[in-house]
Protein backbone atom coordinates (compact mmCIF):
# COMPACT_ATOMS: atom_id res chain seq x y z
CA ALA A 1 -20.81 -59.83 53.41
CA ALA A 2 -24.19 -59.19 54.99
CA LEU A 3 -24.77 -56.49 52.38
CA PHE A 4 -25.10 -59.06 49.65
CA GLY A 5 -27.04 -61.92 51.23
CA ALA A 6 -26.65 -65.63 50.65
CA THR A 7 -29.36 -66.21 48.05
CA PRO A 8 -28.24 -66.17 44.42
CA ALA A 9 -29.83 -63.41 42.35
CA ASN A 10 -32.22 -64.11 39.51
CA ALA A 11 -31.04 -63.83 35.92
CA TRP A 12 -32.10 -60.53 34.35
CA SER A 13 -34.19 -58.30 36.55
CA ALA A 14 -37.92 -57.86 35.97
CA PRO A 15 -37.18 -54.99 33.53
CA GLY A 16 -34.78 -57.23 31.63
CA HIS A 17 -37.32 -60.03 31.30
CA ARG A 18 -40.03 -57.59 30.27
CA VAL A 19 -37.76 -56.09 27.59
CA VAL A 20 -37.11 -59.57 26.17
CA GLY A 21 -40.85 -60.20 25.95
CA LEU A 22 -41.50 -56.80 24.40
CA VAL A 23 -38.83 -57.39 21.76
CA ALA A 24 -40.22 -60.84 20.98
CA GLU A 25 -43.75 -59.52 20.47
CA GLN A 26 -42.50 -57.38 17.56
CA PHE A 27 -41.35 -60.48 15.64
CA LEU A 28 -44.35 -62.80 16.10
CA ASP A 29 -46.43 -63.82 13.11
CA GLY A 30 -50.22 -63.63 13.11
CA ASP A 31 -50.88 -67.34 13.66
CA THR A 32 -48.51 -67.37 16.62
CA ARG A 33 -50.24 -64.37 18.18
CA ARG A 34 -53.62 -66.07 17.89
CA GLU A 35 -52.33 -69.30 19.44
CA LEU A 36 -50.65 -67.42 22.27
CA TYR A 37 -53.97 -65.74 23.00
CA ARG A 38 -55.63 -69.16 23.21
CA ILE A 39 -53.00 -70.27 25.70
CA ALA A 40 -52.31 -67.15 27.78
CA GLY A 41 -55.29 -64.88 27.12
CA ASP A 42 -54.45 -61.22 27.62
CA GLU A 43 -51.19 -62.01 29.45
CA SER A 44 -48.31 -60.59 27.42
CA LEU A 45 -44.93 -62.24 26.92
CA ALA A 46 -43.49 -59.45 29.08
CA GLU A 47 -45.68 -60.69 31.95
CA VAL A 48 -45.33 -64.40 31.20
CA GLY A 49 -41.55 -64.13 31.49
CA LEU A 50 -41.72 -63.10 35.16
CA TRP A 51 -43.75 -66.06 36.42
CA LEU A 52 -40.89 -68.47 37.12
CA ASP A 53 -39.09 -65.94 39.32
CA GLU A 54 -42.21 -64.64 41.04
CA ASN A 55 -43.20 -68.19 42.04
CA ARG A 56 -39.75 -69.60 42.70
CA ASP A 57 -40.34 -70.51 46.35
CA ARG A 58 -43.64 -72.25 45.66
CA LEU A 59 -42.27 -74.06 42.63
CA ARG A 60 -39.31 -75.35 44.64
CA ALA A 61 -41.82 -77.52 46.52
CA GLU A 62 -44.16 -78.29 43.61
CA TRP A 63 -41.48 -78.85 40.98
CA PRO A 64 -38.39 -80.09 42.88
CA GLY A 65 -35.21 -79.05 41.10
CA SER A 66 -36.87 -76.17 39.26
CA GLU A 67 -34.51 -73.66 40.91
CA ARG A 68 -31.76 -75.16 38.73
CA TRP A 69 -33.59 -74.48 35.47
CA HIS A 70 -32.35 -70.88 35.50
CA TYR A 71 -28.63 -71.56 35.02
CA ASP A 72 -26.02 -74.10 33.94
CA ASN A 73 -22.77 -72.48 34.96
CA ARG A 74 -19.78 -73.82 33.05
CA PRO A 75 -16.36 -73.07 34.59
CA VAL A 76 -14.77 -70.13 32.78
CA CYS A 77 -11.32 -71.56 33.43
CA ASP A 78 -12.29 -75.04 32.18
CA PRO A 79 -14.07 -74.57 28.85
CA ALA A 80 -13.87 -78.31 28.11
CA THR A 81 -16.59 -78.89 30.70
CA PRO A 82 -19.85 -79.36 28.75
CA PHE A 83 -23.17 -77.80 29.61
CA GLY A 84 -25.45 -80.29 31.35
CA SER A 85 -22.59 -82.10 33.10
CA ARG A 86 -24.42 -81.52 36.39
CA CYS A 87 -27.91 -82.02 34.94
CA ALA A 88 -29.19 -84.45 37.57
CA LYS A 89 -32.73 -85.65 36.83
CA GLY A 90 -32.98 -83.24 33.90
CA ASP A 91 -32.83 -80.19 36.16
CA CYS A 92 -30.87 -77.77 34.00
CA PRO A 93 -31.91 -75.17 31.39
CA THR A 94 -31.41 -77.29 28.28
CA ALA A 95 -33.34 -80.30 29.58
CA ALA A 96 -36.18 -78.25 31.11
CA TYR A 97 -36.46 -76.11 27.98
CA GLU A 98 -36.75 -79.09 25.63
CA ARG A 99 -39.20 -80.86 27.94
CA PHE A 100 -41.57 -77.90 28.22
CA LEU A 101 -41.16 -76.90 24.58
CA ARG A 102 -42.65 -80.27 23.59
CA VAL A 103 -45.67 -79.61 25.82
CA LEU A 104 -46.09 -76.10 24.43
CA GLY A 105 -46.13 -77.45 20.89
CA ASP A 106 -48.66 -80.21 21.65
CA PRO A 107 -52.16 -78.99 20.70
CA ALA A 108 -53.67 -81.95 22.58
CA ALA A 109 -52.12 -80.94 25.90
CA PRO A 110 -54.43 -79.21 28.42
CA ARG A 111 -54.36 -75.41 28.19
CA GLU A 112 -53.05 -74.99 31.75
CA GLN A 113 -50.13 -77.32 31.03
CA ARG A 114 -49.32 -75.39 27.87
CA LEU A 115 -49.48 -72.11 29.79
CA ASP A 116 -47.00 -73.43 32.36
CA ALA A 117 -44.82 -74.65 29.49
CA LEU A 118 -44.95 -71.20 27.88
CA ARG A 119 -43.92 -69.62 31.17
CA VAL A 120 -40.90 -71.91 31.48
CA VAL A 121 -39.78 -71.60 27.85
CA VAL A 122 -40.01 -67.80 27.84
CA HIS A 123 -38.14 -67.43 31.12
CA VAL A 124 -35.41 -70.00 30.56
CA LEU A 125 -34.59 -68.75 27.08
CA ALA A 126 -34.14 -65.23 28.46
CA ASP A 127 -32.11 -66.42 31.45
CA VAL A 128 -29.46 -68.22 29.44
CA HIS A 129 -28.62 -64.97 27.63
CA GLN A 130 -27.34 -63.50 30.91
CA PRO A 131 -23.61 -64.39 30.81
CA LEU A 132 -23.44 -65.25 34.50
CA HIS A 133 -26.06 -67.94 34.01
CA ALA A 134 -23.75 -69.69 31.59
CA GLY A 135 -20.32 -69.02 33.13
CA ASP A 136 -18.97 -69.52 36.64
CA ASN A 137 -15.71 -69.31 38.60
CA ARG A 138 -16.70 -71.43 41.62
CA ASP A 139 -18.50 -68.35 42.93
CA ARG A 140 -22.17 -69.12 42.26
CA GLY A 141 -22.14 -67.29 38.96
CA GLY A 142 -20.54 -64.15 40.37
CA ASN A 143 -22.66 -64.01 43.52
CA ASP A 144 -19.54 -64.27 45.70
CA ILE A 145 -17.74 -61.34 44.04
CA ASN A 146 -18.58 -57.97 45.60
CA VAL A 147 -18.24 -54.98 43.30
CA ASP A 148 -18.49 -51.20 43.53
CA MET A 149 -19.82 -49.12 40.66
CA GLY A 150 -18.61 -45.81 42.03
CA PRO A 151 -19.99 -42.85 44.01
CA GLN A 152 -23.68 -42.86 44.98
CA ARG A 153 -24.04 -46.56 44.15
CA GLU A 154 -24.24 -49.29 46.76
CA PRO A 155 -21.81 -52.22 46.44
CA ARG A 156 -23.43 -55.44 45.28
CA SER A 157 -22.57 -58.83 43.85
CA LEU A 158 -21.22 -59.10 40.32
CA HIS A 159 -24.20 -61.28 39.46
CA GLY A 160 -26.69 -58.77 40.85
CA LEU A 161 -24.93 -56.03 38.92
CA TRP A 162 -25.47 -57.85 35.64
CA ASP A 163 -29.06 -58.68 36.54
CA ARG A 164 -30.20 -55.10 37.05
CA GLN A 165 -27.69 -52.21 37.05
CA ILE A 166 -26.10 -53.16 33.74
CA VAL A 167 -29.59 -53.41 32.22
CA ASP A 168 -30.36 -49.92 33.53
CA LEU A 169 -27.16 -48.61 31.94
CA ALA A 170 -28.06 -50.26 28.64
CA MET A 171 -31.51 -48.64 28.67
CA ARG A 172 -30.07 -45.13 29.23
CA GLY A 173 -33.25 -43.84 30.86
CA GLU A 174 -35.51 -45.08 28.06
CA SER A 175 -38.79 -46.78 28.93
CA GLU A 176 -38.91 -50.57 28.62
CA ARG A 177 -41.26 -50.38 25.64
CA GLY A 178 -39.22 -47.66 23.95
CA PHE A 179 -35.99 -49.57 24.54
CA ALA A 180 -37.54 -52.75 23.10
CA ARG A 181 -38.59 -50.82 19.99
CA GLN A 182 -35.03 -49.53 19.58
CA LEU A 183 -33.61 -53.05 19.81
CA ALA A 184 -36.12 -54.38 17.29
CA ARG A 185 -35.27 -51.62 14.81
CA GLU A 186 -31.54 -52.19 15.19
CA HIS A 187 -31.75 -55.94 14.58
CA ARG A 188 -34.69 -56.41 12.23
CA ARG A 189 -32.46 -57.04 9.21
CA ASP A 190 -30.40 -59.71 10.96
CA ALA A 191 -33.27 -61.32 12.88
CA ARG A 192 -33.33 -64.51 10.81
CA GLN A 193 -29.60 -65.00 11.25
CA LEU A 194 -29.87 -64.45 15.01
CA GLN A 195 -32.66 -67.02 15.25
CA SER A 196 -30.50 -69.82 13.87
CA GLY A 197 -29.01 -72.34 16.27
CA THR A 198 -30.12 -74.12 19.43
CA LEU A 199 -30.40 -73.21 23.07
CA THR A 200 -26.98 -74.79 23.67
CA ASP A 201 -25.48 -72.64 20.89
CA TRP A 202 -26.94 -69.55 22.53
CA MET A 203 -25.58 -70.63 25.93
CA ASP A 204 -22.15 -71.04 24.32
CA GLU A 205 -22.42 -67.45 23.14
CA SER A 206 -23.31 -66.23 26.65
CA TYR A 207 -20.50 -68.34 28.08
CA GLY A 208 -18.06 -66.65 25.73
CA TYR A 209 -18.96 -63.26 27.19
CA ALA A 210 -18.49 -64.58 30.73
CA ARG A 211 -15.15 -66.20 29.87
CA ASP A 212 -13.72 -63.37 27.77
CA PHE A 213 -15.10 -60.25 29.44
CA VAL A 214 -17.31 -60.52 32.54
CA TYR A 215 -14.73 -62.28 34.71
CA PRO A 216 -11.27 -61.43 33.31
CA ARG A 217 -12.00 -57.70 33.32
CA VAL A 218 -12.77 -57.76 37.07
CA PRO A 219 -9.71 -56.47 38.98
CA SER A 220 -7.78 -59.21 40.82
CA PHE A 221 -9.52 -61.97 38.88
CA ALA A 222 -8.02 -65.42 39.44
CA CYS A 223 -9.26 -68.83 38.38
CA GLY A 224 -11.28 -70.58 41.08
CA ARG A 225 -10.96 -67.75 43.61
CA SER A 226 -13.02 -64.67 44.49
CA PRO A 227 -11.35 -61.46 45.68
CA PRO A 228 -11.77 -61.16 49.48
CA PHE A 229 -12.60 -57.45 49.14
CA ILE A 230 -14.93 -55.15 47.23
CA VAL A 231 -13.53 -54.44 43.75
CA ARG A 232 -14.13 -51.24 41.78
CA LEU A 233 -15.33 -51.56 38.20
CA ASP A 234 -14.19 -48.71 35.96
CA ASP A 235 -16.10 -46.74 33.33
CA ASP A 236 -14.76 -48.88 30.49
CA TYR A 237 -16.15 -52.02 32.13
CA ARG A 238 -19.55 -50.42 32.60
CA ARG A 239 -19.74 -49.17 29.02
CA GLU A 240 -18.75 -52.49 27.49
CA ALA A 241 -21.02 -54.43 29.86
CA ALA A 242 -23.99 -52.26 28.88
CA LYS A 243 -23.23 -52.88 25.20
CA ILE A 244 -23.12 -56.64 25.79
CA ALA A 245 -26.36 -56.60 27.78
CA ARG A 246 -28.06 -54.56 25.07
CA GLY A 247 -27.12 -57.15 22.46
CA GLN A 248 -28.05 -60.11 24.64
CA LEU A 249 -31.50 -58.73 25.47
CA ALA A 250 -32.15 -58.15 21.76
CA ARG A 251 -30.97 -61.65 20.82
CA ALA A 252 -33.07 -63.25 23.54
CA GLY A 253 -36.24 -61.50 22.36
CA ILE A 254 -35.68 -62.17 18.68
CA ARG A 255 -34.84 -65.82 19.34
CA LEU A 256 -37.85 -66.23 21.59
CA ALA A 257 -40.08 -65.01 18.77
CA GLY A 258 -38.43 -67.44 16.36
CA VAL A 259 -38.94 -70.37 18.74
CA LEU A 260 -42.60 -69.49 19.29
CA ASN A 261 -43.27 -68.99 15.58
CA GLU A 262 -41.68 -72.35 14.82
CA THR A 263 -43.39 -74.19 17.68
CA LEU A 264 -46.92 -72.83 17.23
CA ARG A 265 -47.21 -72.14 13.51
CA ASP A 266 -48.47 -75.62 12.54
CA GLU A 267 -51.36 -75.66 14.98
CA PRO A 268 -54.66 -76.92 13.52
CA ARG A 269 -57.20 -74.06 13.33
């Protein structure tokens, strides 16, 4: 157990968050780009998306409850449980997202407040597209399940696997920028359709992947219980997981662009 540590992993690794930002930047309109420059200067969405993770320890003291803005894990074996059922004091993704989105869209708010709001909105929207930040089996979103990906790979938690290794598999050795361009090309025609819906709708989609694939395809899966041993994930699991991650990273980026275009487009110039 010491191999895996006690601290839950972040949703999407730094490469995953940067890819989401890089995808989003390809779908921004001109007015949105100008307003983002007024708010964040030369800082790209790829960089903005890392801030909440990079400052998590400090923010835990400055913004109590902020560590819970990254996930709202709904039990995969109890789909009737709604998101936000444990949203004490508004400390869950949906509540934090809506709260900071209002600040981001307020041209009268101080620039620094809007920058913080941008950082939260970008990060939270990306996070909820990671299936294990929407689904749970009483195991801290897969942090208590230890998995093995095969020879020459160290065992790790199921959550950590989805954060980083599955992203690496989805990228297939491509650079982050090149991968983001691929995703944008593949989904440009259906971008408007993907941008429809709300954050809760998108969390439902992520939850569906957790409920229907991420957990049940793990050997020895049982509701409410983690295997007491390291489980081996086969090639089929890895291939399908990479396909899901690829789609979720694309959706997150395209939806982020849609949210920013909608939120910032009516700014007075």
